[in-house]
C-alpha atoms as a PDB file:
ATOM      1  CA  MET A   1      26.147  -3.826  -8.991  1.00  0.00           C
ATOM      2  CA  ALA A   2      24.188  -6.204 -10.796  1.00  0.00           C
ATOM      3  CA  GLU A   3      20.427  -6.405  -9.519  1.00  0.00           C
ATOM      4  CA  ILE A   4      19.856  -9.488  -7.527  1.00  0.00           C
ATOM      5  CA  VAL A   5      16.274 -11.052  -7.001  1.00  0.00           C
ATOM      6  CA  TYR A   6      14.904 -14.002  -4.743  1.00  0.00           C
ATOM      7  CA  LEU A   7      13.354 -16.340  -6.361  1.00  0.00           C
ATOM      8  CA  ASN A   8      11.822 -19.594  -4.960  1.00  0.00           C
ATOM      9  CA  GLY A   9      14.573 -19.949  -2.117  1.00  0.00           C
ATOM     10  CA  ARG A  10      17.240 -18.475  -4.224  1.00  0.00           C
ATOM     11  CA  PHE A  11      19.417 -14.989  -4.803  1.00  0.00           C
ATOM     12  CA  VAL A  12      19.709 -14.851  -8.792  1.00  0.00           C
ATOM     13  CA  PRO A  13      20.617 -11.947 -11.405  1.00  0.00           C
ATOM     14  CA  TYR A  14      17.912 -10.496 -12.433  1.00  0.00           C
ATOM     15  CA  GLU A  15      18.387 -11.349 -16.146  1.00  0.00           C
ATOM     16  CA  GLU A  16      18.329 -15.208 -14.957  1.00  0.00           C
ATOM     17  CA  ALA A  17      15.388 -14.938 -13.179  1.00  0.00           C
ATOM     18  CA  ARG A  18      12.425 -17.007 -14.634  1.00  0.00           C
ATOM     19  CA  VAL A  19       8.785 -17.955 -14.081  1.00  0.00           C
ATOM     20  CA  PRO A  20       7.152 -20.684 -16.176  1.00  0.00           C
ATOM     21  CA  VAL A  21       4.729 -19.434 -18.485  1.00  0.00           C
ATOM     22  CA  GLU A  22       1.788 -21.075 -16.958  1.00  0.00           C
ATOM     23  CA  ASP A  23       2.558 -19.927 -13.558  1.00  0.00           C
ATOM     24  CA  ARG A  24      -1.084 -19.306 -12.191  1.00  0.00           C
ATOM     25  CA  GLY A  25       0.283 -15.441 -11.086  1.00  0.00           C
ATOM     26  CA  ASN A  26       0.551 -15.306 -15.101  1.00  0.00           C
ATOM     27  CA  LEU A  27      -2.377 -16.883 -16.033  1.00  0.00           C
ATOM     28  CA  PHE A  28      -5.181 -15.840 -13.621  1.00  0.00           C
ATOM     29  CA  ALA A  29      -3.584 -13.177 -11.348  1.00  0.00           C
ATOM     30  CA  ASP A  30      -3.882 -15.939  -8.539  1.00  0.00           C
ATOM     31  CA  GLY A  31      -1.369 -14.589  -5.916  1.00  0.00           C
ATOM     32  CA  VAL A  32      -0.820 -11.809  -3.328  1.00  0.00           C
ATOM     33  CA  TYR A  33       1.744  -9.406  -2.855  1.00  0.00           C
ATOM     34  CA  GLU A  34       3.518  -6.614  -0.302  1.00  0.00           C
ATOM     35  CA  VAL A  35       5.235  -3.610  -0.664  1.00  0.00           C
ATOM     36  CA  ILE A  36       7.727  -2.846   2.363  1.00  0.00           C
ATOM     37  CA  ARG A  37       9.663   0.576   2.666  1.00  0.00           C
ATOM     38  CA  PHE A  38      13.147   0.677   3.785  1.00  0.00           C
ATOM     39  CA  TYR A  39      14.940   3.861   5.326  1.00  0.00           C
ATOM     40  CA  GLY A  40      18.786   3.678   5.655  1.00  0.00           C
ATOM     41  CA  GLY A  41      18.462   0.265   4.958  1.00  0.00           C
ATOM     42  CA  HIS A  42      16.164  -0.518   7.953  1.00  0.00           C
ATOM     43  CA  PRO A  43      12.505  -2.120   7.303  1.00  0.00           C
ATOM     44  CA  PHE A  44       9.724   0.094   8.118  1.00  0.00           C
ATOM     45  CA  ALA A  45       6.726  -1.603   9.752  1.00  0.00           C
ATOM     46  CA  MET A  46       8.146  -5.007   8.106  1.00  0.00           C
ATOM     47  CA  GLN A  47       6.161  -7.583  10.814  1.00  0.00           C
ATOM     48  CA  ALA A  48       2.869  -5.941  10.162  1.00  0.00           C
ATOM     49  CA  HIS A  49       3.473  -6.202   6.240  1.00  0.00           C
ATOM     50  CA  MET A  50       4.226  -9.606   6.673  1.00  0.00           C
ATOM     51  CA  GLU A  51       1.265 -10.489   8.807  1.00  0.00           C
ATOM     52  CA  ARG A  52      -0.930  -8.946   6.110  1.00  0.00           C
ATOM     53  CA  LEU A  53       0.948 -11.036   3.545  1.00  0.00           C
ATOM     54  CA  ALA A  54       0.220 -14.280   5.312  1.00  0.00           C
ATOM     55  CA  ARG A  55      -3.823 -13.063   5.831  1.00  0.00           C
ATOM     56  CA  SER A  56      -3.875 -12.442   2.251  1.00  0.00           C
ATOM     57  CA  ALA A  57      -2.538 -15.900   1.366  1.00  0.00           C
ATOM     58  CA  ARG A  58      -5.042 -17.282   3.804  1.00  0.00           C
ATOM     59  CA  GLU A  59      -7.989 -15.433   2.324  1.00  0.00           C
ATOM     60  CA  ILE A  60      -6.962 -16.915  -1.286  1.00  0.00           C
ATOM     61  CA  ARG A  61      -6.322 -20.489   0.259  1.00  0.00           C
ATOM     62  CA  LEU A  62      -2.834 -20.488  -0.517  1.00  0.00           C
ATOM     63  CA  PRO A  63      -0.228 -22.964   1.362  1.00  0.00           C
ATOM     64  CA  GLU A  64       0.784 -21.167   4.516  1.00  0.00           C
ATOM     65  CA  ILE A  65       3.618 -19.080   4.470  1.00  0.00           C
ATOM     66  CA  ASP A  66       6.523 -18.955   6.591  1.00  0.00           C
ATOM     67  CA  VAL A  67       6.542 -15.207   7.205  1.00  0.00           C
ATOM     68  CA  ALA A  68       9.903 -15.379   9.800  1.00  0.00           C
ATOM     69  CA  ALA A  69      11.973 -16.944   6.895  1.00  0.00           C
ATOM     70  CA  LEU A  70      10.153 -14.697   4.189  1.00  0.00           C
ATOM     71  CA  ALA A  71      11.139 -11.406   6.246  1.00  0.00           C
ATOM     72  CA  GLU A  72      14.611 -12.746   6.577  1.00  0.00           C
ATOM     73  CA  ALA A  73      15.069 -13.322   2.842  1.00  0.00           C
ATOM     74  CA  GLY A  74      13.445  -9.834   2.159  1.00  0.00           C
ATOM     75  CA  LEU A  75      16.135  -8.289   4.374  1.00  0.00           C
ATOM     76  CA  GLU A  76      19.063 -10.276   2.630  1.00  0.00           C
ATOM     77  CA  THR A  77      17.542  -9.208  -0.798  1.00  0.00           C
ATOM     78  CA  VAL A  78      17.582  -5.484   0.224  1.00  0.00           C
ATOM     79  CA  ARG A  79      21.068  -6.150   1.578  1.00  0.00           C
ATOM     80  CA  LYS A  80      22.561  -7.760  -1.444  1.00  0.00           C
ATOM     81  CA  ASN A  81      21.350  -4.887  -3.732  1.00  0.00           C
ATOM     82  CA  GLY A  82      22.678  -2.185  -1.354  1.00  0.00           C
ATOM     83  CA  ILE A  83      19.294  -0.555  -0.669  1.00  0.00           C
ATOM     84  CA  GLY A  84      19.284   2.355   1.343  1.00  0.00           C
ATOM     85  CA  ASP A  85      16.043   4.274   0.951  1.00  0.00           C
ATOM     86  CA  GLY A  86      14.025   1.937  -1.211  1.00  0.00           C
ATOM     87  CA  SER A  87      11.007  -0.723  -1.223  1.00  0.00           C
ATOM     88  CA  LEU A  88      10.845  -4.292  -1.199  1.00  0.00           C
ATOM     89  CA  TYR A  89       8.442  -6.050  -3.587  1.00  0.00           C
ATOM     90  CA  VAL A  90       7.299  -9.507  -2.533  1.00  0.00           C
ATOM     91  CA  GLN A  91       4.954 -11.758  -4.258  1.00  0.00           C
ATOM     92  CA  VAL A  92       3.523 -15.134  -3.443  1.00  0.00           C
ATOM     93  CA  THR A  93       1.528 -17.079  -6.553  1.00  0.00           C
ATOM     94  CA  ARG A  94      -0.151 -20.497  -6.553  1.00  0.00           C
ATOM     95  CA  GLY A  95       2.588 -21.423  -8.893  1.00  0.00           C
ATOM     96  CA  PRO A  96       2.858 -23.351 -12.251  1.00  0.00           C
ATOM     97  CA  ALA A  97       0.116 -26.148 -13.528  1.00  0.00           C
ATOM     98  CA  PRO A  98      -1.651 -26.600 -16.502  1.00  0.00           C
ATOM     99  CA  ARG A  99      -4.102 -24.301 -16.992  1.00  0.00           C
ATOM    100  CA  SER A 100      -7.011 -24.850 -15.287  1.00  0.00           C
ATOM    101  CA  HIS A 101      -9.423 -22.724 -13.023  1.00  0.00           C
ATOM    102  CA  ALA A 102      -9.524 -25.482 -10.592  1.00  0.00           C
ATOM    103  CA  PHE A 103      -6.732 -25.500  -7.838  1.00  0.00           C
ATOM    104  CA  PRO A 104      -3.904 -27.823  -8.684  1.00  0.00           C
ATOM    105  CA  ARG A 105      -3.919 -30.730  -6.499  1.00  0.00           C
ATOM    106  CA  GLU A 106      -0.226 -30.250  -4.823  1.00  0.00           C
ATOM    107  CA  PRO A 107       0.328 -26.413  -5.657  1.00  0.00           C
ATOM    108  CA  LYS A 108       4.153 -25.283  -5.427  1.00  0.00           C
ATOM    109  CA  PRO A 109       4.002 -21.739  -4.948  1.00  0.00           C
ATOM    110  CA  THR A 110       6.440 -19.017  -6.647  1.00  0.00           C
ATOM    111  CA  VAL A 111       7.894 -16.591  -4.335  1.00  0.00           C
ATOM    112  CA  PHE A 112       9.332 -13.691  -5.704  1.00  0.00           C
ATOM    113  CA  MET A 113      11.125 -10.647  -4.176  1.00  0.00           C
ATOM    114  CA  ILE A 114      12.934  -7.395  -5.414  1.00  0.00           C
ATOM    115  CA  ALA A 115      14.195  -4.539  -4.058  1.00  0.00           C
ATOM    116  CA  ARG A 116      15.011  -0.959  -5.503  1.00  0.00           C
ATOM    117  CA  GLU A 117      16.006   2.408  -4.474  1.00  0.00           C
ATOM    118  CA  LEU A 118      13.245   4.695  -4.031  1.00  0.00           C
ATOM    119  CA  ALA A 119      13.268   8.101  -2.693  1.00  0.00           C
ATOM    120  CA  ARG A 120      10.712   9.923  -0.220  1.00  0.00           C
ATOM    121  CA  PRO A 121       8.385  12.108  -1.889  1.00  0.00           C
ATOM    122  CA  SER A 122       9.849  15.328  -2.722  1.00  0.00           C
ATOM    123  CA  ARG A 123       9.238  18.381  -0.406  1.00  0.00           C
ATOM    124  CA  SER A 124       7.977  20.432  -2.824  1.00  0.00           C
ATOM    125  CA  LEU A 125       5.056  18.043  -3.579  1.00  0.00           C
ATOM    126  CA  VAL A 126       4.404  17.640  -0.102  1.00  0.00           C
ATOM    127  CA  GLU A 127       4.299  21.289   0.712  1.00  0.00           C
ATOM    128  CA  GLN A 128       2.127  22.030  -2.037  1.00  0.00           C
ATOM    129  CA  GLY A 129      -0.495  18.848  -2.237  1.00  0.00           C
ATOM    130  CA  VAL A 130      -1.751  17.076  -5.461  1.00  0.00           C
ATOM    131  CA  ALA A 131      -4.596  16.884  -7.417  1.00  0.00           C
ATOM    132  CA  CYS A 132      -6.854  13.906  -7.863  1.00  0.00           C
ATOM    133  CA  ILE A 133     -10.006  12.737  -9.720  1.00  0.00           C
ATOM    134  CA  THR A 134     -12.713  10.554  -8.924  1.00  0.00           C
ATOM    135  CA  VAL A 135     -13.649   7.225 -11.140  1.00  0.00           C
ATOM    136  CA  PRO A 136     -16.312   4.620 -10.647  1.00  0.00           C
ATOM    137  CA  ASP A 137     -15.188   1.829  -8.298  1.00  0.00           C
ATOM    138  CA  ILE A 138     -15.671  -1.076 -10.497  1.00  0.00           C
ATOM    139  CA  ARG A 139     -13.732  -3.794  -8.635  1.00  0.00           C
ATOM    140  CA  TRP A 140     -14.554  -6.781  -6.869  1.00  0.00           C
ATOM    141  CA  ALA A 141     -15.950  -6.798  -3.251  1.00  0.00           C
ATOM    142  CA  ARG A 142     -12.531  -8.248  -1.541  1.00  0.00           C
ATOM    143  CA  CYS A 143     -10.341  -5.327  -1.865  1.00  0.00           C
ATOM    144  CA  ASP A 144      -9.025  -6.306   1.672  1.00  0.00           C
ATOM    145  CA  ILE A 145      -7.165  -8.955  -0.052  1.00  0.00           C
ATOM    146  CA  LYS A 146      -3.774  -7.430  -1.343  1.00  0.00           C
ATOM    147  CA  SER A 147      -4.156  -9.436  -4.582  1.00  0.00           C
ATOM    148  CA  ILE A 148      -2.045  -8.886  -7.689  1.00  0.00           C
ATOM    149  CA  GLY A 149      -5.375  -8.771  -9.803  1.00  0.00           C
ATOM    150  CA  LEU A 150      -4.947  -4.978 -10.363  1.00  0.00           C
ATOM    151  CA  LEU A 151      -6.116  -4.431 -13.752  1.00  0.00           C
ATOM    152  CA  PRO A 152      -8.948  -1.758 -12.594  1.00  0.00           C
ATOM    153  CA  ASN A 153      -6.471   0.038 -10.488  1.00  0.00           C
ATOM    154  CA  VAL A 154      -4.047   0.209 -13.300  1.00  0.00           C
ATOM    155  CA  LEU A 155      -6.969   1.575 -15.714  1.00  0.00           C
ATOM    156  CA  ALA A 156      -7.950   4.200 -13.024  1.00  0.00           C
ATOM    157  CA  LYS A 157      -4.258   5.301 -12.418  1.00  0.00           C
ATOM    158  CA  GLN A 158      -3.779   5.859 -16.150  1.00  0.00           C
ATOM    159  CA  GLN A 159      -7.102   7.660 -16.316  1.00  0.00           C
ATOM    160  CA  ALA A 160      -5.215   9.958 -13.782  1.00  0.00           C
ATOM    161  CA  VAL A 161      -1.998  10.210 -15.477  1.00  0.00           C
ATOM    162  CA  GLU A 162      -3.979  11.424 -18.662  1.00  0.00           C
ATOM    163  CA  ALA A 163      -5.971  13.797 -16.505  1.00  0.00           C
ATOM    164  CA  GLY A 164      -2.828  15.457 -15.171  1.00  0.00           C
ATOM    165  CA  ALA A 165      -3.579  14.352 -11.796  1.00  0.00           C
ATOM    166  CA  PHE A 166      -1.379  12.409  -8.944  1.00  0.00           C
ATOM    167  CA  GLU A 167      -3.915   9.777  -8.066  1.00  0.00           C
ATOM    168  CA  ALA A 168      -7.529   8.478  -8.920  1.00  0.00           C
ATOM    169  CA  LEU A 169      -9.933   8.102  -5.936  1.00  0.00           C
ATOM    170  CA  PHE A 170     -12.335   5.428  -6.509  1.00  0.00           C
ATOM    171  CA  VAL A 171     -16.288   5.994  -5.509  1.00  0.00           C
ATOM    172  CA  ARG A 172     -18.630   3.210  -5.076  1.00  0.00           C
ATOM    173  CA  ASP A 173     -22.465   4.101  -4.533  1.00  0.00           C
ATOM    174  CA  GLY A 174     -21.710   7.659  -3.896  1.00  0.00           C
ATOM    175  CA  ILE A 175     -19.109   6.763  -0.925  1.00  0.00           C
ATOM    176  CA  LEU A 176     -15.257   7.642  -1.557  1.00  0.00           C
ATOM    177  CA  THR A 177     -13.495   4.503  -0.963  1.00  0.00           C
ATOM    178  CA  GLU A 178      -9.866   4.661  -1.588  1.00  0.00           C
ATOM    179  CA  GLY A 179      -7.301   5.487  -4.101  1.00  0.00           C
ATOM    180  CA  THR A 180      -5.742   3.129  -6.929  1.00  0.00           C
ATOM    181  CA  SER A 181      -2.802   2.460  -4.333  1.00  0.00           C
ATOM    182  CA  SER A 182      -3.708   4.469  -1.443  1.00  0.00           C
ATOM    183  CA  ASN A 183      -6.031   5.051   1.358  1.00  0.00           C
ATOM    184  CA  VAL A 184      -8.014   8.257   1.614  1.00  0.00           C
ATOM    185  CA  PHE A 185      -8.416  10.507   4.832  1.00  0.00           C
ATOM    186  CA  ALA A 186     -10.798  13.462   5.350  1.00  0.00           C
ATOM    187  CA  VAL A 187     -10.694  15.739   8.110  1.00  0.00           C
ATOM    188  CA  LYS A 188     -14.265  17.245   8.824  1.00  0.00           C
ATOM    189  CA  GLY A 189     -14.513  19.478  12.274  1.00  0.00           C
ATOM    190  CA  GLY A 190     -10.747  18.671  13.126  1.00  0.00           C
ATOM    191  CA  LYS A 191     -11.618  14.993  13.175  1.00  0.00           C
ATOM    192  CA  LEU A 192     -10.213  12.575  10.910  1.00  0.00           C
ATOM    193  CA  VAL A 193     -12.401  10.516   8.863  1.00  0.00           C
ATOM    194  CA  THR A 194     -11.820   7.324   7.034  1.00  0.00           C
ATOM    195  CA  HIS A 195     -13.624   4.557   5.400  1.00  0.00           C
ATOM    196  CA  PRO A 196     -13.621   1.536   7.897  1.00  0.00           C
ATOM    197  CA  GLU A 197     -11.783  -1.700   6.938  1.00  0.00           C
ATOM    198  CA  ASP A 198     -14.297  -4.070   5.080  1.00  0.00           C
ATOM    199  CA  GLY A 199     -14.055  -5.580   1.902  1.00  0.00           C
ATOM    200  CA  HIS A 200     -14.096  -2.242  -0.132  1.00  0.00           C
ATOM    201  CA  VAL A 201     -10.640  -0.998   1.013  1.00  0.00           C
ATOM    202  CA  LEU A 202      -6.963  -2.236   1.840  1.00  0.00           C
ATOM    203  CA  PRO A 203      -6.226  -2.428   5.536  1.00  0.00           C
ATOM    204  CA  GLY A 204      -3.484  -0.257   5.054  1.00  0.00           C
ATOM    205  CA  ILE A 205      -0.551  -0.541   7.163  1.00  0.00           C
ATOM    206  CA  THR A 206       0.222   3.400   6.702  1.00  0.00           C
ATOM    207  CA  ARG A 207      -3.466   4.009   7.406  1.00  0.00           C
ATOM    208  CA  ARG A 208      -3.262   2.068  10.922  1.00  0.00           C
ATOM    209  CA  LEU A 209      -0.178   3.865  11.575  1.00  0.00           C
ATOM    210  CA  ILE A 210      -2.045   7.319  10.974  1.00  0.00           C
ATOM    211  CA  LEU A 211      -5.046   6.341  13.139  1.00  0.00           C
ATOM    212  CA  ALA A 212      -2.318   5.670  15.960  1.00  0.00           C
ATOM    213  CA  ILE A 213      -0.654   9.025  15.277  1.00  0.00           C
ATOM    214  CA  ALA A 214      -4.139  10.697  15.558  1.00  0.00           C
ATOM    215  CA  ARG A 215      -5.161   9.086  18.654  1.00  0.00           C
ATOM    216  CA  GLU A 216      -1.572  10.068  20.229  1.00  0.00           C
ATOM    217  CA  GLU A 217      -2.030  13.630  19.152  1.00  0.00           C
ATOM    218  CA  GLY A 218      -5.683  13.569  20.565  1.00  0.00           C
ATOM    219  CA  ILE A 219      -7.340  14.040  17.159  1.00  0.00           C
ATOM    220  CA  GLY A 220     -10.370  12.393  17.111  1.00  0.00           C
ATOM    221  CA  VAL A 221     -10.855   9.504  14.717  1.00  0.00           C
ATOM    222  CA  GLU A 222     -14.446   8.330  13.025  1.00  0.00           C
ATOM    223  CA  GLU A 223     -14.169   5.421  10.679  1.00  0.00           C
ATOM    224  CA  GLU A 224     -17.125   5.916   8.642  1.00  0.00           C
ATOM    225  CA  PRO A 225     -17.890   6.115   4.850  1.00  0.00           C
ATOM    226  CA  LEU A 226     -17.131   9.290   3.393  1.00  0.00           C
ATOM    227  CA  ALA A 227     -19.608  11.220   0.826  1.00  0.00           C
ATOM    228  CA  ALA A 228     -17.757  11.557  -2.570  1.00  0.00           C
ATOM    229  CA  ALA A 229     -19.445  14.967  -2.740  1.00  0.00           C
ATOM    230  CA  LEU A 230     -16.743  16.201  -0.118  1.00  0.00           C
ATOM    231  CA  ASP A 231     -19.127  19.438   0.811  1.00  0.00           C
ATOM    232  CA  ALA A 232     -18.384  19.141   4.359  1.00  0.00           C
ATOM    233  CA  VAL A 233     -14.483  18.359   3.995  1.00  0.00           C
ATOM    234  CA  ASP A 234     -12.011  20.711   5.397  1.00  0.00           C
ATOM    235  CA  GLU A 235      -8.924  18.628   4.413  1.00  0.00           C
ATOM    236  CA  LEU A 236      -8.426  15.583   2.403  1.00  0.00           C
ATOM    237  CA  PHE A 237      -5.148  13.490   2.257  1.00  0.00           C
ATOM    238  CA  ILE A 238      -3.849   9.740   1.065  1.00  0.00           C
ATOM    239  CA  SER A 239      -1.528   7.357   2.228  1.00  0.00           C
ATOM    240  CA  SER A 240       0.452   4.363   1.544  1.00  0.00           C
ATOM    241  CA  THR A 241       3.735   2.869   1.844  1.00  0.00           C
ATOM    242  CA  ASN A 242       5.561   4.528  -0.873  1.00  0.00           C
ATOM    243  CA  VAL A 243       3.389   7.871  -0.679  1.00  0.00           C
ATOM    244  CA  GLU A 244       3.510   8.383   2.797  1.00  0.00           C
ATOM    245  CA  VAL A 245       1.075  10.996   3.538  1.00  0.00           C
ATOM    246  CA  MET A 246       0.175  13.556   1.099  1.00  0.00           C
ATOM    247  CA  ALA A 247      -2.336  16.412   1.081  1.00  0.00           C
ATOM    248  CA  VAL A 248      -5.081  16.503  -1.588  1.00  0.00           C
ATOM    249  CA  VAL A 249      -5.578  20.008  -2.482  1.00  0.00           C
ATOM    250  CA  SER A 250      -8.260  19.510  -5.353  1.00  0.00           C
ATOM    251  CA  VAL A 251     -10.559  16.926  -6.783  1.00  0.00           C
ATOM    252  CA  ASP A 252     -12.130  16.790 -10.052  1.00  0.00           C
ATOM    253  CA  GLY A 253     -10.638  20.173 -10.551  1.00  0.00           C
ATOM    254  CA  ARG A 254     -12.529  21.512  -7.503  1.00  0.00           C
ATOM    255  CA  PRO A 255     -10.315  22.921  -4.348  1.00  0.00           C
ATOM    256  CA  VAL A 256     -10.256  20.907  -1.083  1.00  0.00           C
ATOM    257  CA  GLY A 257     -10.977  23.328   1.722  1.00  0.00           C
ATOM    258  CA  ASP A 258      -8.967  26.457   1.145  1.00  0.00           C
ATOM    259  CA  GLY A 259      -6.787  24.677  -1.626  1.00  0.00           C
ATOM    260  CA  ARG A 260      -3.805  24.034   0.577  1.00  0.00           C
ATOM    261  CA  PRO A 261      -2.392  21.292   2.669  1.00  0.00           C
ATOM    262  CA  GLY A 262      -4.617  22.044   5.924  1.00  0.00           C
ATOM    263  CA  PRO A 263      -3.198  22.194   9.781  1.00  0.00           C
ATOM    264  CA  VAL A 264      -4.169  18.441  10.652  1.00  0.00           C
ATOM    265  CA  THR A 265      -2.743  17.024   7.583  1.00  0.00           C
ATOM    266  CA  ARG A 266       0.633  19.049   8.644  1.00  0.00           C
ATOM    267  CA  ARG A 267       0.472  17.627  11.904  1.00  0.00           C
ATOM    268  CA  ILE A 268       0.085  14.043  10.737  1.00  0.00           C
ATOM    269  CA  GLN A 269       3.043  14.431   8.349  1.00  0.00           C
ATOM    270  CA  ALA A 270       5.073  15.695  11.055  1.00  0.00           C
ATOM    271  CA  GLN A 271       4.737  12.742  13.193  1.00  0.00           C
ATOM    272  CA  TYR A 272       4.955  10.445  10.181  1.00  0.00           C
ATOM    273  CA  ASP A 273       8.115  12.018   9.442  1.00  0.00           C
ATOM    274  CA  ARG A 274       9.360  11.365  12.777  1.00  0.00           C
ATOM    275  CA  LEU A 275       8.645   7.817  12.348  1.00  0.00           C
ATOM    276  CA  VAL A 276      10.861   7.647   9.557  1.00  0.00           C
ATOM    277  CA  GLU A 277      13.732   8.909  11.327  1.00  0.00           C
ATOM    278  CA  ARG A 278      13.159   6.652  14.124  1.00  0.00           C
ATOM    279  CA  VAL A 279      13.404   3.626  11.641  1.00  0.00           C
ATOM    280  CA  ARG A 280      16.221   5.323  10.005  1.00  0.00           C
ATOM    281  CA  ALA A 281      17.855   5.030  13.375  1.00  0.00           C
ATOM    282  CA  GLY A 282      17.325   1.233  13.490  1.00  0.00           C
ATOM    283  CA  GLU A 283      14.196   1.223  15.784  1.00  0.00           C
ATOM    284  CA  SER A 284      11.172  -0.814  14.949  1.00  0.00           C
ATOM    285  CA  ILE A 285       7.696   0.755  14.937  1.00  0.00           C
ATOM    286  CA  ASP A 286       5.662  -2.358  14.564  1.00  0.00           C
ATOM    287  CA  GLY A 287       4.407  -2.259  18.182  1.00  0.00           C
ATOM    288  CA  LEU A 288       2.822   1.028  17.094  1.00  0.00           C
ATOM    289  CA  ILE A 289       0.465  -0.731  14.840  1.00  0.00           C
ATOM    290  CA  ALA A 290      -3.001  -2.178  16.043  1.00  0.00           C
ATOM    291  CA  PRO A 291      -4.370  -5.089  14.994  1.00  0.00           C
ATOM    292  CA  ARG A 292      -6.659  -5.398  11.941  1.00  0.00           C
ATOM    293  CA  ALA A 293     -10.320  -4.529  12.982  1.00  0.00           C
ATOM    294  CA  SER A 294     -12.349  -7.836  13.029  1.00  0.00           C
END
């Protein structure tokens, strides 16, 4: 099957998709994006992702996005590509204009979507957990915006790859903020601890689902800064749309807890698996996701 992408209101073969060289996404990383997971051809929390996309667009002063129409186009992109388990990438930029830092007077946003098959994380990896490294958090102070300007994340991820690690975790002023493409949770004394939603972390959709799961399971939650030393941490895990819930068993070569995925992490993973199966059966889970903290 030929790969089909959505570009500015049209479905076109991948090889025919063209974006002007002076698109502001290309010149300035002037755009935002989302990644939406699909299981059995059904979207996982699409409404929440679309709402976050609209918020990101507002924060960088893009023209208003018709998220309902975009969601429908996203579903059609997935259908046209015959995706079962996969992900949908959605990107909106300020569009093409002669290169100038100031906004064009009449911006014409570029809207692009592509859907591809993606298997769930391997069970062996989930069972064993992963190793991470820490890196200085050199990013800007608006990480709550899902911007396409990801060069610091790319460099940190490559550093993790070269170190044989699964993910790089950012540290700012002695505080563990998040991963290059993931949120971070610790377990301390049976409670979940995760960085509060502010300008230093992305308000993750999977993060919010995990908080909902924790409260449903009677697991205490504290949204507060987490010291990067990790001395008092019993368990650690990361979360994201594609990684789902992944135990971290070592950081910078030092074991976390007993060096194995812990019981709280496993409880969260088991409930997350149940959500996946509900979506695979065609159920929406958007109602489980609490609004972003103000």
